[in-house]
Amino acid sequence: ANRGLEPEPLEVRVFDFAPSLADEMLAADLVVSHAGSGSVFEALGMRKPLLVVVNDALMDNHQAELAEELGKRGHLRWCESGGLADAIATFDPRGLTPYEPGDPSGIARALDDALA
């Protein structure tokens, strides 16, 4: 038995493509994802600990902006690809704050009013 002296082995599942990642995310203890908004908000909606890897080669990097802002709010941790191994090794989900989606009805009403 492992008495806390060494970390448990890391189990990683890798695949080329899946039409949905919902089942994999639900089964995961930690979700490691790119910083695309769909993947980020899907994992946060499932209340999964999330480590986002930002592609630092992108121009006008809205993915980095999203990861940085949600990281500041404590909903996820993020890193650049070169820091992934360290980020996984030091990841502690206990400090994360659950993400609560906003209510979009105010924006919907404003758009309805503006377009009426």
PDB file of N, CA and C in Angstrom:
ATOM      1  N   ALA A   1       0.845  -1.201   0.000  1.00  0.00           N
ATOM      2  CA  ALA A   1       0.000   0.000   0.000  1.00  0.00           C
ATOM      3  C   ALA A   1       0.873   1.239   0.000  1.00  0.00           C
ATOM      4  N   ASN A   2       0.428   2.222  -0.689  1.00  0.00           N
ATOM      5  CA  ASN A   2       1.139   3.502  -0.744  1.00  0.00           C
ATOM      6  C   ASN A   2       0.774   4.295   0.499  1.00  0.00           C
ATOM      7  N   ARG A   3       1.757   4.603   1.318  1.00  0.00           N
ATOM      8  CA  ARG A   3       1.511   5.314   2.571  1.00  0.00           C
ATOM      9  C   ARG A   3       1.788   6.809   2.428  1.00  0.00           C
ATOM     10  N   GLY A   4       1.557   7.331   1.244  1.00  0.00           N
ATOM     11  CA  GLY A   4       1.742   8.758   1.044  1.00  0.00           C
ATOM     12  C   GLY A   4       3.171   9.166   0.781  1.00  0.00           C
ATOM     13  N   LEU A   5       4.069   8.197   0.667  1.00  0.00           N
ATOM     14  CA  LEU A   5       5.466   8.536   0.434  1.00  0.00           C
ATOM     15  C   LEU A   5       5.726   8.886  -1.019  1.00  0.00           C
ATOM     16  N   GLU A   6       4.987   8.272  -1.905  1.00  0.00           N
ATOM     17  CA  GLU A   6       5.137   8.542  -3.333  1.00  0.00           C
ATOM     18  C   GLU A   6       3.754   8.750  -3.927  1.00  0.00           C
ATOM     19  N   PRO A   7       3.655   9.596  -4.943  1.00  0.00           N
ATOM     20  CA  PRO A   7       2.338   9.802  -5.557  1.00  0.00           C
ATOM     21  C   PRO A   7       1.841   8.538  -6.245  1.00  0.00           C
ATOM     22  N   GLU A   8       0.521   8.413  -6.299  1.00  0.00           N
ATOM     23  CA  GLU A   8      -0.086   7.306  -7.030  1.00  0.00           C
ATOM     24  C   GLU A   8       0.263   7.446  -8.508  1.00  0.00           C
ATOM     25  N   PRO A   9       0.316   6.333  -9.242  1.00  0.00           N
ATOM     26  CA  PRO A   9       0.586   6.426 -10.681  1.00  0.00           C
ATOM     27  C   PRO A   9      -0.495   7.253 -11.374  1.00  0.00           C
ATOM     28  N   LEU A  10      -0.090   8.010 -12.356  1.00  0.00           N
ATOM     29  CA  LEU A  10      -1.003   8.854 -13.119  1.00  0.00           C
ATOM     30  C   LEU A  10      -1.594   8.045 -14.260  1.00  0.00           C
ATOM     31  N   GLU A  11      -2.913   7.993 -14.337  1.00  0.00           N
ATOM     32  CA  GLU A  11      -3.584   7.298 -15.433  1.00  0.00           C
ATOM     33  C   GLU A  11      -4.018   8.339 -16.452  1.00  0.00           C
ATOM     34  N   VAL A  12      -3.553   8.182 -17.677  1.00  0.00           N
ATOM     35  CA  VAL A  12      -3.853   9.134 -18.743  1.00  0.00           C
ATOM     36  C   VAL A  12      -4.521   8.390 -19.885  1.00  0.00           C
ATOM     37  N   ARG A  13      -5.603   8.955 -20.400  1.00  0.00           N
ATOM     38  CA  ARG A  13      -6.279   8.389 -21.571  1.00  0.00           C
ATOM     39  C   ARG A  13      -6.119   9.388 -22.703  1.00  0.00           C
ATOM     40  N   VAL A  14      -5.582   8.937 -23.826  1.00  0.00           N
ATOM     41  CA  VAL A  14      -5.323   9.793 -24.980  1.00  0.00           C
ATOM     42  C   VAL A  14      -6.069   9.230 -26.181  1.00  0.00           C
ATOM     43  N   PHE A  15      -6.664  10.124 -26.981  1.00  0.00           N
ATOM     44  CA  PHE A  15      -7.355   9.703 -28.193  1.00  0.00           C
ATOM     45  C   PHE A  15      -7.305  10.847 -29.184  1.00  0.00           C
ATOM     46  N   ASP A  16      -7.467  10.514 -30.467  1.00  0.00           N
ATOM     47  CA  ASP A  16      -7.378  11.519 -31.522  1.00  0.00           C
ATOM     48  C   ASP A  16      -8.617  12.395 -31.605  1.00  0.00           C
ATOM     49  N   PHE A  17      -9.801  11.792 -31.545  1.00  0.00           N
ATOM     50  CA  PHE A  17     -11.030  12.557 -31.711  1.00  0.00           C
ATOM     51  C   PHE A  17     -12.175  11.839 -31.022  1.00  0.00           C
ATOM     52  N   ALA A  18     -13.049  12.612 -30.446  1.00  0.00           N
ATOM     53  CA  ALA A  18     -14.303  12.086 -29.905  1.00  0.00           C
ATOM     54  C   ALA A  18     -15.373  13.133 -30.169  1.00  0.00           C
ATOM     55  N   PRO A  19     -16.549  12.728 -30.607  1.00  0.00           N
ATOM     56  CA  PRO A  19     -17.595  13.711 -30.901  1.00  0.00           C
ATOM     57  C   PRO A  19     -18.043  14.477 -29.663  1.00  0.00           C
ATOM     58  N   SER A  20     -17.895  13.876 -28.492  1.00  0.00           N
ATOM     59  CA  SER A  20     -18.219  14.549 -27.237  1.00  0.00           C
ATOM     60  C   SER A  20     -17.222  14.093 -26.184  1.00  0.00           C
ATOM     61  N   LEU A  21     -16.846  15.000 -25.314  1.00  0.00           N
ATOM     62  CA  LEU A  21     -15.933  14.656 -24.227  1.00  0.00           C
ATOM     63  C   LEU A  21     -16.661  14.544 -22.892  1.00  0.00           C
ATOM     64  N   ALA A  22     -17.975  14.615 -22.918  1.00  0.00           N
ATOM     65  CA  ALA A  22     -18.746  14.629 -21.674  1.00  0.00           C
ATOM     66  C   ALA A  22     -18.471  13.396 -20.813  1.00  0.00           C
ATOM     67  N   ASP A  23     -18.486  12.209 -21.398  1.00  0.00           N
ATOM     68  CA  ASP A  23     -18.262  10.991 -20.612  1.00  0.00           C
ATOM     69  C   ASP A  23     -16.866  10.970 -20.007  1.00  0.00           C
ATOM     70  N   GLU A  24     -15.869  11.383 -20.792  1.00  0.00           N
ATOM     71  CA  GLU A  24     -14.501  11.404 -20.287  1.00  0.00           C
ATOM     72  C   GLU A  24     -14.354  12.422 -19.160  1.00  0.00           C
ATOM     73  N   MET A  25     -14.962  13.591 -19.337  1.00  0.00           N
ATOM     74  CA  MET A  25     -14.877  14.616 -18.292  1.00  0.00           C
ATOM     75  C   MET A  25     -15.561  14.151 -17.013  1.00  0.00           C
ATOM     76  N   LEU A  26     -16.735  13.537 -17.148  1.00  0.00           N
ATOM     77  CA  LEU A  26     -17.451  13.063 -15.961  1.00  0.00           C
ATOM     78  C   LEU A  26     -16.643  12.024 -15.189  1.00  0.00           C
ATOM     79  N   ALA A  27     -15.884  11.193 -15.897  1.00  0.00           N
ATOM     80  CA  ALA A  27     -15.099  10.141 -15.253  1.00  0.00           C
ATOM     81  C   ALA A  27     -13.769  10.646 -14.700  1.00  0.00           C
ATOM     82  N   ALA A  28     -13.350  11.840 -15.094  1.00  0.00           N
ATOM     83  CA  ALA A  28     -12.020  12.343 -14.744  1.00  0.00           C
ATOM     84  C   ALA A  28     -11.974  12.944 -13.341  1.00  0.00           C
ATOM     85  N   ASP A  29     -10.829  12.777 -12.690  1.00  0.00           N
ATOM     86  CA  ASP A  29     -10.564  13.469 -11.428  1.00  0.00           C
ATOM     87  C   ASP A  29     -10.017  14.866 -11.691  1.00  0.00           C
ATOM     88  N   LEU A  30      -9.339  15.024 -12.821  1.00  0.00           N
ATOM     89  CA  LEU A  30      -8.773  16.305 -13.243  1.00  0.00           C
ATOM     90  C   LEU A  30      -8.924  16.393 -14.750  1.00  0.00           C
ATOM     91  N   VAL A  31      -9.452  17.519 -15.227  1.00  0.00           N
ATOM     92  CA  VAL A  31      -9.564  17.751 -16.663  1.00  0.00           C
ATOM     93  C   VAL A  31      -8.424  18.672 -17.075  1.00  0.00           C
ATOM     94  N   VAL A  32      -7.642  18.231 -18.057  1.00  0.00           N
ATOM     95  CA  VAL A  32      -6.598  19.062 -18.664  1.00  0.00           C
ATOM     96  C   VAL A  32      -7.083  19.358 -20.068  1.00  0.00           C
ATOM     97  N   SER A  33      -7.205  20.647 -20.384  1.00  0.00           N
ATOM     98  CA  SER A  33      -7.844  21.038 -21.635  1.00  0.00           C
ATOM     99  C   SER A  33      -7.110  22.197 -22.279  1.00  0.00           C
ATOM    100  N   HIS A  34      -7.349  22.368 -23.578  1.00  0.00           N
ATOM    101  CA  HIS A  34      -6.920  23.603 -24.215  1.00  0.00           C
ATOM    102  C   HIS A  34      -7.835  24.707 -23.694  1.00  0.00           C
ATOM    103  N   ALA A  35      -7.581  25.931 -24.081  1.00  0.00           N
ATOM    104  CA  ALA A  35      -8.293  27.065 -23.487  1.00  0.00           C
ATOM    105  C   ALA A  35      -9.498  27.516 -24.298  1.00  0.00           C
ATOM    106  N   GLY A  36     -10.027  26.662 -25.156  1.00  0.00           N
ATOM    107  CA  GLY A  36     -11.224  27.019 -25.906  1.00  0.00           C
ATOM    108  C   GLY A  36     -12.421  27.158 -24.976  1.00  0.00           C
ATOM    109  N   SER A  37     -13.255  28.138 -25.237  1.00  0.00           N
ATOM    110  CA  SER A  37     -14.354  28.437 -24.315  1.00  0.00           C
ATOM    111  C   SER A  37     -15.325  27.267 -24.159  1.00  0.00           C
ATOM    112  N   GLY A  38     -15.599  26.523 -25.227  1.00  0.00           N
ATOM    113  CA  GLY A  38     -16.517  25.396 -25.114  1.00  0.00           C
ATOM    114  C   GLY A  38     -16.015  24.348 -24.142  1.00  0.00           C
ATOM    115  N   SER A  39     -14.760  23.962 -24.281  1.00  0.00           N
ATOM    116  CA  SER A  39     -14.175  22.958 -23.390  1.00  0.00           C
ATOM    117  C   SER A  39     -14.095  23.470 -21.960  1.00  0.00           C
ATOM    118  N   VAL A  40     -13.679  24.723 -21.805  1.00  0.00           N
ATOM    119  CA  VAL A  40     -13.534  25.311 -20.472  1.00  0.00           C
ATOM    120  C   VAL A  40     -14.878  25.325 -19.746  1.00  0.00           C
ATOM    121  N   PHE A  41     -15.908  25.867 -20.396  1.00  0.00           N
ATOM    122  CA  PHE A  41     -17.191  25.989 -19.705  1.00  0.00           C
ATOM    123  C   PHE A  41     -17.894  24.647 -19.529  1.00  0.00           C
ATOM    124  N   GLU A  42     -17.622  23.683 -20.415  1.00  0.00           N
ATOM    125  CA  GLU A  42     -18.183  22.344 -20.220  1.00  0.00           C
ATOM    126  C   GLU A  42     -17.614  21.719 -18.948  1.00  0.00           C
ATOM    127  N   ALA A  43     -16.302  21.800 -18.766  1.00  0.00           N
ATOM    128  CA  ALA A  43     -15.675  21.232 -17.566  1.00  0.00           C
ATOM    129  C   ALA A  43     -16.115  21.975 -16.310  1.00  0.00           C
ATOM    130  N   LEU A  44     -16.156  23.308 -16.377  1.00  0.00           N
ATOM    131  CA  LEU A  44     -16.582  24.079 -15.209  1.00  0.00           C
ATOM    132  C   LEU A  44     -18.034  23.780 -14.853  1.00  0.00           C
ATOM    133  N   GLY A  45     -18.878  23.591 -15.868  1.00  0.00           N
ATOM    134  CA  GLY A  45     -20.275  23.260 -15.620  1.00  0.00           C
ATOM    135  C   GLY A  45     -20.450  21.917 -14.935  1.00  0.00           C
ATOM    136  N   MET A  46     -19.484  21.026 -15.122  1.00  0.00           N
ATOM    137  CA  MET A  46     -19.511  19.713 -14.467  1.00  0.00           C
ATOM    138  C   MET A  46     -18.839  19.753 -13.100  1.00  0.00           C
ATOM    139  N   ARG A  47     -18.354  20.931 -12.734  1.00  0.00           N
ATOM    140  CA  ARG A  47     -17.658  21.129 -11.454  1.00  0.00           C
ATOM    141  C   ARG A  47     -16.421  20.233 -11.339  1.00  0.00           C
ATOM    142  N   LYS A  48     -15.710  20.116 -12.452  1.00  0.00           N
ATOM    143  CA  LYS A  48     -14.489  19.322 -12.469  1.00  0.00           C
ATOM    144  C   LYS A  48     -13.282  20.226 -12.250  1.00  0.00           C
ATOM    145  N   PRO A  49     -12.305  19.772 -11.457  1.00  0.00           N
ATOM    146  CA  PRO A  49     -11.062  20.532 -11.364  1.00  0.00           C
ATOM    147  C   PRO A  49     -10.466  20.653 -12.764  1.00  0.00           C
ATOM    148  N   LEU A  50     -10.047  21.864 -13.113  1.00  0.00           N
ATOM    149  CA  LEU A  50      -9.656  22.141 -14.494  1.00  0.00           C
ATOM    150  C   LEU A  50      -8.299  22.815 -14.557  1.00  0.00           C
ATOM    151  N   LEU A  51      -7.425  22.236 -15.372  1.00  0.00           N
ATOM    152  CA  LEU A  51      -6.132  22.823 -15.699  1.00  0.00           C
ATOM    153  C   LEU A  51      -6.150  23.119 -17.187  1.00  0.00           C
ATOM    154  N   VAL A  52      -6.034  24.388 -17.525  1.00  0.00           N
ATOM    155  CA  VAL A  52      -6.123  24.832 -18.909  1.00  0.00           C
ATOM    156  C   VAL A  52      -4.724  25.111 -19.436  1.00  0.00           C
ATOM    157  N   VAL A  53      -4.425  24.590 -20.622  1.00  0.00           N
ATOM    158  CA  VAL A  53      -3.137  24.814 -21.276  1.00  0.00           C
ATOM    159  C   VAL A  53      -3.355  25.820 -22.397  1.00  0.00           C
ATOM    160  N   VAL A  54      -2.741  26.982 -22.240  1.00  0.00           N
ATOM    161  CA  VAL A  54      -2.887  28.075 -23.198  1.00  0.00           C
ATOM    162  C   VAL A  54      -1.883  27.893 -24.325  1.00  0.00           C
ATOM    163  N   ASN A  55      -2.345  28.039 -25.554  1.00  0.00           N
ATOM    164  CA  ASN A  55      -1.461  28.010 -26.717  1.00  0.00           C
ATOM    165  C   ASN A  55      -0.861  29.400 -26.861  1.00  0.00           C
ATOM    166  N   ASP A  56       0.371  29.554 -26.421  1.00  0.00           N
ATOM    167  CA  ASP A  56       1.005  30.874 -26.417  1.00  0.00           C
ATOM    168  C   ASP A  56       1.469  31.313 -27.801  1.00  0.00           C
ATOM    169  N   ALA A  57       1.269  30.487 -28.823  1.00  0.00           N
ATOM    170  CA  ALA A  57       1.668  30.859 -30.183  1.00  0.00           C
ATOM    171  C   ALA A  57       0.559  31.594 -30.938  1.00  0.00           C
ATOM    172  N   LEU A  58      -0.642  31.653 -30.373  1.00  0.00           N
ATOM    173  CA  LEU A  58      -1.757  32.299 -31.071  1.00  0.00           C
ATOM    174  C   LEU A  58      -1.643  33.816 -31.015  1.00  0.00           C
ATOM    175  N   MET A  59      -2.005  34.462 -32.102  1.00  0.00           N
ATOM    176  CA  MET A  59      -2.096  35.921 -32.143  1.00  0.00           C
ATOM    177  C   MET A  59      -3.460  36.321 -31.587  1.00  0.00           C
ATOM    178  N   ASP A  60      -3.560  37.525 -31.009  1.00  0.00           N
ATOM    179  CA  ASP A  60      -4.828  37.997 -30.447  1.00  0.00           C
ATOM    180  C   ASP A  60      -5.477  36.881 -29.632  1.00  0.00           C
ATOM    181  N   ASN A  61      -4.765  36.457 -28.611  1.00  0.00           N
ATOM    182  CA  ASN A  61      -5.081  35.220 -27.918  1.00  0.00           C
ATOM    183  C   ASN A  61      -6.236  35.374 -26.923  1.00  0.00           C
ATOM    184  N   HIS A  62      -7.464  35.277 -27.429  1.00  0.00           N
ATOM    185  CA  HIS A  62      -8.629  35.353 -26.548  1.00  0.00           C
ATOM    186  C   HIS A  62      -8.687  34.157 -25.602  1.00  0.00           C
ATOM    187  N   GLN A  63      -8.085  33.031 -25.999  1.00  0.00           N
ATOM    188  CA  GLN A  63      -8.058  31.873 -25.111  1.00  0.00           C
ATOM    189  C   GLN A  63      -7.237  32.178 -23.864  1.00  0.00           C
ATOM    190  N   ALA A  64      -6.107  32.858 -24.042  1.00  0.00           N
ATOM    191  CA  ALA A  64      -5.284  33.236 -22.891  1.00  0.00           C
ATOM    192  C   ALA A  64      -6.043  34.204 -21.995  1.00  0.00           C
ATOM    193  N   GLU A  65      -6.755  35.147 -22.605  1.00  0.00           N
ATOM    194  CA  GLU A  65      -7.525  36.112 -21.820  1.00  0.00           C
ATOM    195  C   GLU A  65      -8.585  35.403 -20.980  1.00  0.00           C
ATOM    196  N   LEU A  66      -9.272  34.432 -21.571  1.00  0.00           N
ATOM    197  CA  LEU A  66     -10.296  33.681 -20.849  1.00  0.00           C
ATOM    198  C   LEU A  66      -9.673  32.901 -19.692  1.00  0.00           C
ATOM    199  N   ALA A  67      -8.584  32.193 -19.966  1.00  0.00           N
ATOM    200  CA  ALA A  67      -7.923  31.395 -18.930  1.00  0.00           C
ATOM    201  C   ALA A  67      -7.416  32.281 -17.797  1.00  0.00           C
ATOM    202  N   GLU A  68      -6.802  33.402 -18.141  1.00  0.00           N
ATOM    203  CA  GLU A  68      -6.280  34.307 -17.116  1.00  0.00           C
ATOM    204  C   GLU A  68      -7.403  34.853 -16.240  1.00  0.00           C
ATOM    205  N   GLU A  69      -8.494  35.281 -16.846  1.00  0.00           N
ATOM    206  CA  GLU A  69      -9.604  35.854 -16.067  1.00  0.00           C
ATOM    207  C   GLU A  69     -10.251  34.810 -15.164  1.00  0.00           C
ATOM    208  N   LEU A  70     -10.538  33.622 -15.707  1.00  0.00           N
ATOM    209  CA  LEU A  70     -11.145  32.580 -14.877  1.00  0.00           C
ATOM    210  C   LEU A  70     -10.165  32.075 -13.821  1.00  0.00           C
ATOM    211  N   GLY A  71      -8.870  32.127 -14.131  1.00  0.00           N
ATOM    212  CA  GLY A  71      -7.860  31.787 -13.138  1.00  0.00           C
ATOM    213  C   GLY A  71      -7.819  32.802 -12.007  1.00  0.00           C
ATOM    214  N   LYS A  72      -7.893  34.094 -12.340  1.00  0.00           N
ATOM    215  CA  LYS A  72      -7.926  35.144 -11.310  1.00  0.00           C
ATOM    216  C   LYS A  72      -9.122  34.977 -10.387  1.00  0.00           C
ATOM    217  N   ARG A  73     -10.228  34.527 -10.952  1.00  0.00           N
ATOM    218  CA  ARG A  73     -11.446  34.330 -10.159  1.00  0.00           C
ATOM    219  C   ARG A  73     -11.428  33.019  -9.380  1.00  0.00           C
ATOM    220  N   GLY A  74     -10.377  32.215  -9.589  1.00  0.00           N
ATOM    221  CA  GLY A  74     -10.209  30.985  -8.828  1.00  0.00           C
ATOM    222  C   GLY A  74     -10.969  29.782  -9.345  1.00  0.00           C
ATOM    223  N   HIS A  75     -11.493  29.860 -10.566  1.00  0.00           N
ATOM    224  CA  HIS A  75     -12.290  28.754 -11.101  1.00  0.00           C
ATOM    225  C   HIS A  75     -11.443  27.655 -11.735  1.00  0.00           C
ATOM    226  N   LEU A  76     -10.225  27.982 -12.126  1.00  0.00           N
ATOM    227  CA  LEU A  76      -9.346  27.018 -12.777  1.00  0.00           C
ATOM    228  C   LEU A  76      -7.904  27.432 -12.553  1.00  0.00           C
ATOM    229  N   ARG A  77      -7.003  26.546 -12.908  1.00  0.00           N
ATOM    230  CA  ARG A  77      -5.576  26.872 -12.971  1.00  0.00           C
ATOM    231  C   ARG A  77      -5.195  26.781 -14.437  1.00  0.00           C
ATOM    232  N   TRP A  78      -4.198  27.577 -14.832  1.00  0.00           N
ATOM    233  CA  TRP A  78      -3.785  27.538 -16.226  1.00  0.00           C
ATOM    234  C   TRP A  78      -2.271  27.620 -16.311  1.00  0.00           C
ATOM    235  N   CYS A  79      -1.761  27.193 -17.454  1.00  0.00           N
ATOM    236  CA  CYS A  79      -0.330  27.255 -17.716  1.00  0.00           C
ATOM    237  C   CYS A  79      -0.128  27.338 -19.222  1.00  0.00           C
ATOM    238  N   GLU A  80       1.093  27.621 -19.613  1.00  0.00           N
ATOM    239  CA  GLU A  80       1.470  27.503 -21.020  1.00  0.00           C
ATOM    240  C   GLU A  80       2.017  26.095 -21.216  1.00  0.00           C
ATOM    241  N   SER A  81       2.123  25.654 -22.458  1.00  0.00           N
ATOM    242  CA  SER A  81       2.475  24.260 -22.724  1.00  0.00           C
ATOM    243  C   SER A  81       3.801  23.852 -22.087  1.00  0.00           C
ATOM    244  N   GLY A  82       4.766  24.741 -22.045  1.00  0.00           N
ATOM    245  CA  GLY A  82       6.058  24.412 -21.456  1.00  0.00           C
ATOM    246  C   GLY A  82       6.004  24.177 -19.957  1.00  0.00           C
ATOM    247  N   GLY A  83       4.951  24.624 -19.307  1.00  0.00           N
ATOM    248  CA  GLY A  83       4.825  24.463 -17.863  1.00  0.00           C
ATOM    249  C   GLY A  83       3.841  23.391 -17.440  1.00  0.00           C
ATOM    250  N   LEU A  84       3.404  22.557 -18.387  1.00  0.00           N
ATOM    251  CA  LEU A  84       2.361  21.577 -18.086  1.00  0.00           C
ATOM    252  C   LEU A  84       2.784  20.565 -17.026  1.00  0.00           C
ATOM    253  N   ALA A  85       3.974  20.006 -17.131  1.00  0.00           N
ATOM    254  CA  ALA A  85       4.409  18.987 -16.163  1.00  0.00           C
ATOM    255  C   ALA A  85       4.423  19.560 -14.750  1.00  0.00           C
ATOM    256  N   ASP A  86       4.964  20.757 -14.585  1.00  0.00           N
ATOM    257  CA  ASP A  86       4.983  21.388 -13.260  1.00  0.00           C
ATOM    258  C   ASP A  86       3.573  21.706 -12.778  1.00  0.00           C
ATOM    259  N   ALA A  87       2.724  22.169 -13.686  1.00  0.00           N
ATOM    260  CA  ALA A  87       1.352  22.518 -13.304  1.00  0.00           C
ATOM    261  C   ALA A  87       0.590  21.287 -12.813  1.00  0.00           C
ATOM    262  N   ILE A  88       0.782  20.155 -13.471  1.00  0.00           N
ATOM    263  CA  ILE A  88       0.122  18.923 -13.029  1.00  0.00           C
ATOM    264  C   ILE A  88       0.679  18.485 -11.681  1.00  0.00           C
ATOM    265  N   ALA A  89       2.002  18.551 -11.538  1.00  0.00           N
ATOM    266  CA  ALA A  89       2.641  18.095 -10.305  1.00  0.00           C
ATOM    267  C   ALA A  89       2.220  18.924  -9.093  1.00  0.00           C
ATOM    268  N   THR A  90       1.923  20.194  -9.297  1.00  0.00           N
ATOM    269  CA  THR A  90       1.598  21.080  -8.175  1.00  0.00           C
ATOM    270  C   THR A  90       0.111  21.410  -8.078  1.00  0.00           C
ATOM    271  N   PHE A  91      -0.701  20.823  -8.946  1.00  0.00           N
ATOM    272  CA  PHE A  91      -2.130  21.152  -8.978  1.00  0.00           C
ATOM    273  C   PHE A  91      -2.806  20.726  -7.678  1.00  0.00           C
ATOM    274  N   ASP A  92      -3.534  21.657  -7.074  1.00  0.00           N
ATOM    275  CA  ASP A  92      -4.298  21.371  -5.860  1.00  0.00           C
ATOM    276  C   ASP A  92      -5.707  21.921  -6.046  1.00  0.00           C
ATOM    277  N   PRO A  93      -6.682  21.054  -6.243  1.00  0.00           N
ATOM    278  CA  PRO A  93      -8.038  21.533  -6.523  1.00  0.00           C
ATOM    279  C   PRO A  93      -8.747  22.141  -5.317  1.00  0.00           C
ATOM    280  N   ARG A  94      -8.189  21.984  -4.129  1.00  0.00           N
ATOM    281  CA  ARG A  94      -8.891  22.458  -2.934  1.00  0.00           C
ATOM    282  C   ARG A  94      -9.085  23.970  -2.907  1.00  0.00           C
ATOM    283  N   GLY A  95      -8.244  24.715  -3.605  1.00  0.00           N
ATOM    284  CA  GLY A  95      -8.377  26.163  -3.601  1.00  0.00           C
ATOM    285  C   GLY A  95      -9.286  26.715  -4.684  1.00  0.00           C
ATOM    286  N   LEU A  96      -9.887  25.846  -5.487  1.00  0.00           N
ATOM    287  CA  LEU A  96     -10.727  26.315  -6.588  1.00  0.00           C
ATOM    288  C   LEU A  96     -12.109  26.736  -6.095  1.00  0.00           C
ATOM    289  N   THR A  97     -12.671  27.721  -6.770  1.00  0.00           N
ATOM    290  CA  THR A  97     -14.008  28.235  -6.478  1.00  0.00           C
ATOM    291  C   THR A  97     -14.964  27.729  -7.551  1.00  0.00           C
ATOM    292  N   PRO A  98     -16.077  27.101  -7.173  1.00  0.00           N
ATOM    293  CA  PRO A  98     -17.021  26.629  -8.200  1.00  0.00           C
ATOM    294  C   PRO A  98     -17.502  27.781  -9.082  1.00  0.00           C
ATOM    295  N   TYR A  99     -17.631  27.500 -10.356  1.00  0.00           N
ATOM    296  CA  TYR A  99     -18.114  28.490 -11.320  1.00  0.00           C
ATOM    297  C   TYR A  99     -19.636  28.507 -11.303  1.00  0.00           C
ATOM    298  N   GLU A 100     -20.202  29.685 -11.163  1.00  0.00           N
ATOM    299  CA  GLU A 100     -21.653  29.869 -11.223  1.00  0.00           C
ATOM    300  C   GLU A 100     -21.965  30.676 -12.477  1.00  0.00           C
ATOM    301  N   PRO A 101     -22.646  30.090 -13.451  1.00  0.00           N
ATOM    302  CA  PRO A 101     -22.954  30.837 -14.673  1.00  0.00           C
ATOM    303  C   PRO A 101     -23.862  32.025 -14.368  1.00  0.00           C
ATOM    304  N   GLY A 102     -23.672  33.078 -15.143  1.00  0.00           N
ATOM    305  CA  GLY A 102     -24.511  34.257 -14.996  1.00  0.00           C
ATOM    306  C   GLY A 102     -25.884  34.043 -15.606  1.00  0.00           C
ATOM    307  N   ASP A 103     -26.766  34.985 -15.351  1.00  0.00           N
ATOM    308  CA  ASP A 103     -28.119  34.948 -15.897  1.00  0.00           C
ATOM    309  C   ASP A 103     -28.135  35.776 -17.177  1.00  0.00           C
ATOM    310  N   PRO A 104     -28.318  35.142 -18.332  1.00  0.00           N
ATOM    311  CA  PRO A 104     -28.268  35.875 -19.602  1.00  0.00           C
ATOM    312  C   PRO A 104     -29.549  36.633 -19.940  1.00  0.00           C
ATOM    313  N   SER A 105     -30.557  36.562 -19.084  1.00  0.00           N
ATOM    314  CA  SER A 105     -31.845  37.162 -19.447  1.00  0.00           C
ATOM    315  C   SER A 105     -31.758  38.676 -19.611  1.00  0.00           C
ATOM    316  N   GLY A 106     -30.901  39.346 -18.858  1.00  0.00           N
ATOM    317  CA  GLY A 106     -30.761  40.796 -18.997  1.00  0.00           C
ATOM    318  C   GLY A 106     -30.231  41.191 -20.364  1.00  0.00           C
ATOM    319  N   ILE A 107     -29.249  40.476 -20.853  1.00  0.00           N
ATOM    320  CA  ILE A 107     -28.703  40.754 -22.183  1.00  0.00           C
ATOM    321  C   ILE A 107     -29.747  40.430 -23.246  1.00  0.00           C
ATOM    322  N   ALA A 108     -30.458  39.330 -23.058  1.00  0.00           N
ATOM    323  CA  ALA A 108     -31.498  38.958 -24.028  1.00  0.00           C
ATOM    324  C   ALA A 108     -32.571  40.041 -24.110  1.00  0.00           C
ATOM    325  N   ARG A 109     -32.994  40.563 -22.960  1.00  0.00           N
ATOM    326  CA  ARG A 109     -33.996  41.643 -22.960  1.00  0.00           C
ATOM    327  C   ARG A 109     -33.458  42.888 -23.647  1.00  0.00           C
ATOM    328  N   ALA A 110     -32.208  43.246 -23.360  1.00  0.00           N
ATOM    329  CA  ALA A 110     -31.610  44.433 -23.976  1.00  0.00           C
ATOM    330  C   ALA A 110     -31.535  44.275 -25.493  1.00  0.00           C
ATOM    331  N   LEU A 111     -31.164  43.089 -25.960  1.00  0.00           N
ATOM    332  CA  LEU A 111     -31.121  42.848 -27.404  1.00  0.00           C
ATOM    333  C   LEU A 111     -32.516  42.895 -28.014  1.00  0.00           C
ATOM    334  N   ASP A 112     -33.472  42.294 -27.335  1.00  0.00           N
ATOM    335  CA  ASP A 112     -34.855  42.346 -27.828  1.00  0.00           C
ATOM    336  C   ASP A 112     -35.336  43.793 -27.943  1.00  0.00           C
ATOM    337  N   ASP A 113     -35.043  44.597 -26.917  1.00  0.00           N
ATOM    338  CA  ASP A 113     -35.455  46.005 -26.932  1.00  0.00           C
ATOM    339  C   ASP A 113     -34.764  46.769 -28.050  1.00  0.00           C
ATOM    340  N   ALA A 114     -33.472  46.509 -28.230  1.00  0.00           N
ATOM    341  CA  ALA A 114     -32.707  47.234 -29.249  1.00  0.00           C
ATOM    342  C   ALA A 114     -33.147  46.863 -30.657  1.00  0.00           C
ATOM    343  N   LEU A 115     -33.572  45.634 -30.841  1.00  0.00           N
ATOM    344  CA  LEU A 115     -33.953  45.170 -32.173  1.00  0.00           C
ATOM    345  C   LEU A 115     -35.449  45.315 -32.457  1.00  0.00           C
ATOM    346  N   ALA A 116     -36.212  45.732 -31.462  1.00  0.00           N
ATOM    347  CA  ALA A 116     -37.670  45.865 -31.646  1.00  0.00           C
ATOM    348  C   ALA A 116     -38.020  47.099 -32.449  1.00  0.00           C
TER     349      ALA A 116
END
